[in-house]
Amino acid sequence: MSEKLNQLSFIIGVFFILVALVLLIGYLTTSSLKHGINLYTGMAMMIFGLVMIKLKA
Protein backbone atom coordinates (compact mmCIF):
# COMPACT_ATOMS: atom_id res chain seq x y z
CA MET A 1 0.00 0.00 0.00
CA SER A 2 2.84 2.42 0.72
CA GLU A 3 4.10 1.94 -2.84
CA LYS A 4 0.74 3.11 -4.19
CA LEU A 5 0.81 6.22 -2.01
CA ASN A 6 4.16 7.14 -3.54
CA GLN A 7 2.73 7.05 -7.06
CA LEU A 8 1.40 10.38 -8.22
CA SER A 9 -1.23 8.79 -10.46
CA PHE A 10 -2.83 7.07 -7.47
CA ILE A 11 -3.03 10.31 -5.46
CA ILE A 12 -4.48 12.20 -8.44
CA GLY A 13 -7.02 9.44 -9.01
CA VAL A 14 -8.17 9.50 -5.38
CA PHE A 15 -8.51 13.30 -5.50
CA PHE A 16 -10.65 13.21 -8.64
CA ILE A 17 -12.84 10.44 -7.23
CA LEU A 18 -13.44 12.44 -4.03
CA VAL A 19 -14.35 15.58 -5.97
CA ALA A 20 -16.64 13.52 -8.24
CA LEU A 21 -18.39 12.04 -5.22
CA VAL A 22 -19.01 15.51 -3.79
CA LEU A 23 -20.51 16.66 -7.10
CA LEU A 24 -22.66 13.57 -7.55
CA ILE A 25 -23.92 13.53 -3.97
CA GLY A 26 -24.70 17.24 -4.22
CA TYR A 27 -26.57 16.64 -7.46
CA LEU A 28 -28.66 13.85 -5.94
CA THR A 29 -29.44 15.41 -2.57
CA THR A 30 -29.99 19.15 -3.03
CA SER A 31 -32.38 21.00 -5.26
CA SER A 32 -30.13 24.05 -5.71
CA LEU A 33 -27.38 21.95 -7.30
CA LYS A 34 -29.67 20.18 -9.80
CA HIS A 35 -27.81 21.37 -12.86
CA GLY A 36 -26.75 18.93 -15.53
CA ILE A 37 -23.19 20.22 -15.43
CA ASN A 38 -22.72 18.74 -11.94
CA LEU A 39 -23.84 15.32 -13.15
CA TYR A 40 -21.72 15.31 -16.30
CA THR A 41 -18.65 16.77 -14.63
CA GLY A 42 -18.96 14.33 -11.74
CA MET A 43 -19.20 11.35 -14.08
CA ALA A 44 -16.23 12.56 -16.15
CA MET A 45 -14.11 13.11 -13.04
CA MET A 46 -15.08 9.68 -11.70
CA ILE A 47 -13.99 7.99 -14.93
CA PHE A 48 -10.75 9.98 -15.04
CA GLY A 49 -10.00 9.11 -11.41
CA LEU A 50 -10.58 5.41 -12.01
CA VAL A 51 -8.34 5.49 -15.08
CA MET A 52 -5.59 7.20 -13.10
CA ILE A 53 -5.80 4.58 -10.34
CA LYS A 54 -5.78 1.69 -12.81
CA LEU A 55 -2.97 3.26 -14.85
CA LYS A 56 -0.17 1.94 -12.66
CA ALA A 57 -2.00 -0.94 -10.98
PDB file of N, CA and C in Angstrom:
ATOM      1  N   MET A   1       0.814  -1.198   0.000  1.00  0.00           N
ATOM      2  CA  MET A   1       0.000   0.000   0.000  1.00  0.00           C
ATOM      3  C   MET A   1       0.855   1.258   0.000  1.00  0.00           C
ATOM      4  N   SER A   2       1.989   1.226   0.681  1.00  0.00           N
ATOM      5  CA  SER A   2       2.840   2.418   0.720  1.00  0.00           C
ATOM      6  C   SER A   2       3.434   2.727  -0.645  1.00  0.00           C
ATOM      7  N   GLU A   3       3.603   1.686  -1.478  1.00  0.00           N
ATOM      8  CA  GLU A   3       4.097   1.937  -2.838  1.00  0.00           C
ATOM      9  C   GLU A   3       3.069   2.715  -3.644  1.00  0.00           C
ATOM     10  N   LYS A   4       1.783   2.399  -3.461  1.00  0.00           N
ATOM     11  CA  LYS A   4       0.738   3.112  -4.185  1.00  0.00           C
ATOM     12  C   LYS A   4       0.659   4.569  -3.757  1.00  0.00           C
ATOM     13  N   LEU A   5       0.877   4.837  -2.481  1.00  0.00           N
ATOM     14  CA  LEU A   5       0.808   6.218  -2.007  1.00  0.00           C
ATOM     15  C   LEU A   5       1.958   7.051  -2.550  1.00  0.00           C
ATOM     16  N   ASN A   6       3.037   6.416  -2.963  1.00  0.00           N
ATOM     17  CA  ASN A   6       4.165   7.141  -3.539  1.00  0.00           C
ATOM     18  C   ASN A   6       3.970   7.421  -5.022  1.00  0.00           C
ATOM     19  N   GLN A   7       2.984   6.814  -5.643  1.00  0.00           N
ATOM     20  CA  GLN A   7       2.728   7.051  -7.059  1.00  0.00           C
ATOM     21  C   GLN A   7       1.784   8.227  -7.218  1.00  0.00           C
ATOM     22  N   LEU A   8       2.190   9.173  -8.034  1.00  0.00           N
ATOM     23  CA  LEU A   8       1.398  10.379  -8.218  1.00  0.00           C
ATOM     24  C   LEU A   8       0.062  10.086  -8.891  1.00  0.00           C
ATOM     25  N   SER A   9       0.023   9.107  -9.773  1.00  0.00           N
ATOM     26  CA  SER A   9      -1.227   8.792 -10.465  1.00  0.00           C
ATOM     27  C   SER A   9      -2.289   8.283  -9.493  1.00  0.00           C
ATOM     28  N   PHE A  10      -1.887   7.557  -8.467  1.00  0.00           N
ATOM     29  CA  PHE A  10      -2.834   7.070  -7.473  1.00  0.00           C
ATOM     30  C   PHE A  10      -3.425   8.222  -6.664  1.00  0.00           C
ATOM     31  N   ILE A  11      -2.582   9.163  -6.247  1.00  0.00           N
ATOM     32  CA  ILE A  11      -3.033  10.314  -5.463  1.00  0.00           C
ATOM     33  C   ILE A  11      -3.968  11.184  -6.299  1.00  0.00           C
ATOM     34  N   ILE A  12      -3.627  11.409  -7.558  1.00  0.00           N
ATOM     35  CA  ILE A  12      -4.479  12.200  -8.440  1.00  0.00           C
ATOM     36  C   ILE A  12      -5.817  11.499  -8.647  1.00  0.00           C
ATOM     37  N   GLY A  13      -5.788  10.194  -8.830  1.00  0.00           N
ATOM     38  CA  GLY A  13      -7.018   9.435  -9.006  1.00  0.00           C
ATOM     39  C   GLY A  13      -7.929   9.521  -7.790  1.00  0.00           C
ATOM     40  N   VAL A  14      -7.368   9.406  -6.603  1.00  0.00           N
ATOM     41  CA  VAL A  14      -8.166   9.502  -5.375  1.00  0.00           C
ATOM     42  C   VAL A  14      -8.769  10.900  -5.250  1.00  0.00           C
ATOM     43  N   PHE A  15      -7.998  11.926  -5.571  1.00  0.00           N
ATOM     44  CA  PHE A  15      -8.507  13.297  -5.499  1.00  0.00           C
ATOM     45  C   PHE A  15      -9.691  13.490  -6.448  1.00  0.00           C
ATOM     46  N   PHE A  16      -9.565  13.037  -7.678  1.00  0.00           N
ATOM     47  CA  PHE A  16     -10.649  13.209  -8.645  1.00  0.00           C
ATOM     48  C   PHE A  16     -11.881  12.401  -8.253  1.00  0.00           C
ATOM     49  N   ILE A  17     -11.692  11.232  -7.677  1.00  0.00           N
ATOM     50  CA  ILE A  17     -12.840  10.442  -7.230  1.00  0.00           C
ATOM     51  C   ILE A  17     -13.555  11.144  -6.075  1.00  0.00           C
ATOM     52  N   LEU A  18     -12.812  11.717  -5.141  1.00  0.00           N
ATOM     53  CA  LEU A  18     -13.440  12.437  -4.027  1.00  0.00           C
ATOM     54  C   LEU A  18     -14.219  13.658  -4.507  1.00  0.00           C
ATOM     55  N   VAL A  19     -13.649  14.412  -5.434  1.00  0.00           N
ATOM     56  CA  VAL A  19     -14.352  15.578  -5.974  1.00  0.00           C
ATOM     57  C   VAL A  19     -15.591  15.128  -6.746  1.00  0.00           C
ATOM     58  N   ALA A  20     -15.485  14.037  -7.495  1.00  0.00           N
ATOM     59  CA  ALA A  20     -16.636  13.519  -8.237  1.00  0.00           C
ATOM     60  C   ALA A  20     -17.745  13.081  -7.295  1.00  0.00           C
ATOM     61  N   LEU A  21     -17.381  12.455  -6.192  1.00  0.00           N
ATOM     62  CA  LEU A  21     -18.391  12.039  -5.216  1.00  0.00           C
ATOM     63  C   LEU A  21     -19.110  13.239  -4.611  1.00  0.00           C
ATOM     64  N   VAL A  22     -18.381  14.301  -4.326  1.00  0.00           N
ATOM     65  CA  VAL A  22     -19.009  15.511  -3.788  1.00  0.00           C
ATOM     66  C   VAL A  22     -20.000  16.075  -4.806  1.00  0.00           C
ATOM     67  N   LEU A  23     -19.610  16.138  -6.077  1.00  0.00           N
ATOM     68  CA  LEU A  23     -20.509  16.662  -7.101  1.00  0.00           C
ATOM     69  C   LEU A  23     -21.738  15.775  -7.280  1.00  0.00           C
ATOM     70  N   LEU A  24     -21.534  14.474  -7.321  1.00  0.00           N
ATOM     71  CA  LEU A  24     -22.659  13.569  -7.554  1.00  0.00           C
ATOM     72  C   LEU A  24     -23.606  13.517  -6.355  1.00  0.00           C
ATOM     73  N   ILE A  25     -23.064  13.521  -5.152  1.00  0.00           N
ATOM     74  CA  ILE A  25     -23.925  13.529  -3.966  1.00  0.00           C
ATOM     75  C   ILE A  25     -24.689  14.848  -3.882  1.00  0.00           C
ATOM     76  N   GLY A  26     -24.027  15.945  -4.203  1.00  0.00           N
ATOM     77  CA  GLY A  26     -24.703  17.237  -4.220  1.00  0.00           C
ATOM     78  C   GLY A  26     -25.793  17.288  -5.265  1.00  0.00           C
ATOM     79  N   TYR A  27     -25.560  16.676  -6.404  1.00  0.00           N
ATOM     80  CA  TYR A  27     -26.573  16.636  -7.459  1.00  0.00           C
ATOM     81  C   TYR A  27     -27.792  15.830  -7.015  1.00  0.00           C
ATOM     82  N   LEU A  28     -27.556  14.734  -6.323  1.00  0.00           N
ATOM     83  CA  LEU A  28     -28.658  13.851  -5.941  1.00  0.00           C
ATOM     84  C   LEU A  28     -29.427  14.320  -4.709  1.00  0.00           C
ATOM     85  N   THR A  29     -28.792  15.103  -3.839  1.00  0.00           N
ATOM     86  CA  THR A  29     -29.440  15.414  -2.567  1.00  0.00           C
ATOM     87  C   THR A  29     -30.024  16.817  -2.471  1.00  0.00           C
ATOM     88  N   THR A  30     -29.500  17.789  -3.188  1.00  0.00           N
ATOM     89  CA  THR A  30     -29.993  19.150  -3.031  1.00  0.00           C
ATOM     90  C   THR A  30     -30.698  19.612  -4.293  1.00  0.00           C
ATOM     91  N   SER A  31     -31.652  20.493  -4.106  1.00  0.00           N
ATOM     92  CA  SER A  31     -32.385  21.003  -5.263  1.00  0.00           C
ATOM     93  C   SER A  31     -31.662  22.190  -5.904  1.00  0.00           C
ATOM     94  N   SER A  32     -30.821  22.890  -5.139  1.00  0.00           N
ATOM     95  CA  SER A  32     -30.131  24.051  -5.705  1.00  0.00           C
ATOM     96  C   SER A  32     -28.967  23.641  -6.608  1.00  0.00           C
ATOM     97  N   LEU A  33     -28.489  22.413  -6.465  1.00  0.00           N
ATOM     98  CA  LEU A  33     -27.383  21.947  -7.303  1.00  0.00           C
ATOM     99  C   LEU A  33     -27.861  21.009  -8.413  1.00  0.00           C
ATOM    100  N   LYS A  34     -29.122  21.071  -8.776  1.00  0.00           N
ATOM    101  CA  LYS A  34     -29.671  20.178  -9.797  1.00  0.00           C
ATOM    102  C   LYS A  34     -29.412  20.720 -11.200  1.00  0.00           C
ATOM    103  N   HIS A  35     -28.183  20.958 -11.510  1.00  0.00           N
ATOM    104  CA  HIS A  35     -27.809  21.372 -12.857  1.00  0.00           C
ATOM    105  C   HIS A  35     -27.112  20.199 -13.529  1.00  0.00           C
ATOM    106  N   GLY A  36     -27.340  20.047 -14.808  1.00  0.00           N
ATOM    107  CA  GLY A  36     -26.753  18.928 -15.531  1.00  0.00           C
ATOM    108  C   GLY A  36     -25.234  18.934 -15.529  1.00  0.00           C
ATOM    109  N   ILE A  37     -24.651  20.141 -15.401  1.00  0.00           N
ATOM    110  CA  ILE A  37     -23.191  20.223 -15.426  1.00  0.00           C
ATOM    111  C   ILE A  37     -22.575  19.476 -14.251  1.00  0.00           C
ATOM    112  N   ASN A  38     -23.247  19.471 -13.096  1.00  0.00           N
ATOM    113  CA  ASN A  38     -22.719  18.737 -11.942  1.00  0.00           C
ATOM    114  C   ASN A  38     -22.715  17.235 -12.203  1.00  0.00           C
ATOM    115  N   LEU A  39     -23.760  16.747 -12.849  1.00  0.00           N
ATOM    116  CA  LEU A  39     -23.838  15.317 -13.150  1.00  0.00           C
ATOM    117  C   LEU A  39     -22.778  14.917 -14.159  1.00  0.00           C
ATOM    118  N   TYR A  40     -22.681  15.668 -15.247  1.00  0.00           N
ATOM    119  CA  TYR A  40     -21.725  15.310 -16.301  1.00  0.00           C
ATOM    120  C   TYR A  40     -20.279  15.488 -15.857  1.00  0.00           C
ATOM    121  N   THR A  41     -20.012  16.548 -15.125  1.00  0.00           N
ATOM    122  CA  THR A  41     -18.655  16.769 -14.627  1.00  0.00           C
ATOM    123  C   THR A  41     -18.284  15.715 -13.596  1.00  0.00           C
ATOM    124  N   GLY A  42     -19.220  15.367 -12.734  1.00  0.00           N
ATOM    125  CA  GLY A  42     -18.959  14.331 -11.738  1.00  0.00           C
ATOM    126  C   GLY A  42     -18.671  12.983 -12.372  1.00  0.00           C
ATOM    127  N   MET A  43     -19.440  12.631 -13.402  1.00  0.00           N
ATOM    128  CA  MET A  43     -19.196  11.349 -14.075  1.00  0.00           C
ATOM    129  C   MET A  43     -17.847  11.358 -14.796  1.00  0.00           C
ATOM    130  N   ALA A  44     -17.514  12.469 -15.446  1.00  0.00           N
ATOM    131  CA  ALA A  44     -16.234  12.555 -16.148  1.00  0.00           C
ATOM    132  C   ALA A  44     -15.064  12.477 -15.171  1.00  0.00           C
ATOM    133  N   MET A  45     -15.185  13.159 -14.034  1.00  0.00           N
ATOM    134  CA  MET A  45     -14.112  13.112 -13.037  1.00  0.00           C
ATOM    135  C   MET A  45     -13.984  11.722 -12.428  1.00  0.00           C
ATOM    136  N   MET A  46     -15.109  11.036 -12.241  1.00  0.00           N
ATOM    137  CA  MET A  46     -15.076   9.675 -11.702  1.00  0.00           C
ATOM    138  C   MET A  46     -14.347   8.743 -12.664  1.00  0.00           C
ATOM    139  N   ILE A  47     -14.649   8.842 -13.934  1.00  0.00           N
ATOM    140  CA  ILE A  47     -13.990   7.994 -14.934  1.00  0.00           C
ATOM    141  C   ILE A  47     -12.499   8.307 -14.997  1.00  0.00           C
ATOM    142  N   PHE A  48     -12.158   9.599 -14.997  1.00  0.00           N
ATOM    143  CA  PHE A  48     -10.749   9.975 -15.035  1.00  0.00           C
ATOM    144  C   PHE A  48     -10.006   9.479 -13.806  1.00  0.00           C
ATOM    145  N   GLY A  49     -10.627   9.589 -12.639  1.00  0.00           N
ATOM    146  CA  GLY A  49      -9.997   9.110 -11.409  1.00  0.00           C
ATOM    147  C   GLY A  49      -9.764   7.615 -11.430  1.00  0.00           C
ATOM    148  N   LEU A  50     -10.748   6.866 -11.920  1.00  0.00           N
ATOM    149  CA  LEU A  50     -10.579   5.414 -12.008  1.00  0.00           C
ATOM    150  C   LEU A  50      -9.490   5.028 -13.000  1.00  0.00           C
ATOM    151  N   VAL A  51      -9.400   5.761 -14.100  1.00  0.00           N
ATOM    152  CA  VAL A  51      -8.341   5.487 -15.084  1.00  0.00           C
ATOM    153  C   VAL A  51      -6.977   5.778 -14.472  1.00  0.00           C
ATOM    154  N   MET A  52      -6.864   6.872 -13.715  1.00  0.00           N
ATOM    155  CA  MET A  52      -5.588   7.196 -13.097  1.00  0.00           C
ATOM    156  C   MET A  52      -5.170   6.159 -12.066  1.00  0.00           C
ATOM    157  N   ILE A  53      -6.130   5.616 -11.330  1.00  0.00           N
ATOM    158  CA  ILE A  53      -5.802   4.578 -10.337  1.00  0.00           C
ATOM    159  C   ILE A  53      -5.390   3.288 -11.042  1.00  0.00           C
ATOM    160  N   LYS A  54      -6.079   2.926 -12.096  1.00  0.00           N
ATOM    161  CA  LYS A  54      -5.775   1.690 -12.814  1.00  0.00           C
ATOM    162  C   LYS A  54      -4.550   1.820 -13.707  1.00  0.00           C
ATOM    163  N   LEU A  55      -4.067   3.032 -13.949  1.00  0.00           N
ATOM    164  CA  LEU A  55      -2.965   3.257 -14.854  1.00  0.00           C
ATOM    165  C   LEU A  55      -1.704   2.527 -14.428  1.00  0.00           C
ATOM    166  N   LYS A  56      -1.387   2.567 -13.157  1.00  0.00           N
ATOM    167  CA  LYS A  56      -0.165   1.938 -12.665  1.00  0.00           C
ATOM    168  C   LYS A  56      -0.421   0.672 -11.858  1.00  0.00           C
ATOM    169  N   ALA A  57      -1.675   0.226 -11.795  1.00  0.00           N
ATOM    170  CA  ALA A  57      -2.004  -0.943 -10.982  1.00  0.00           C
ATOM    171  C   ALA A  57      -1.557  -2.226 -11.643  1.00  0.00           C
TER     172      ALA A  57
END
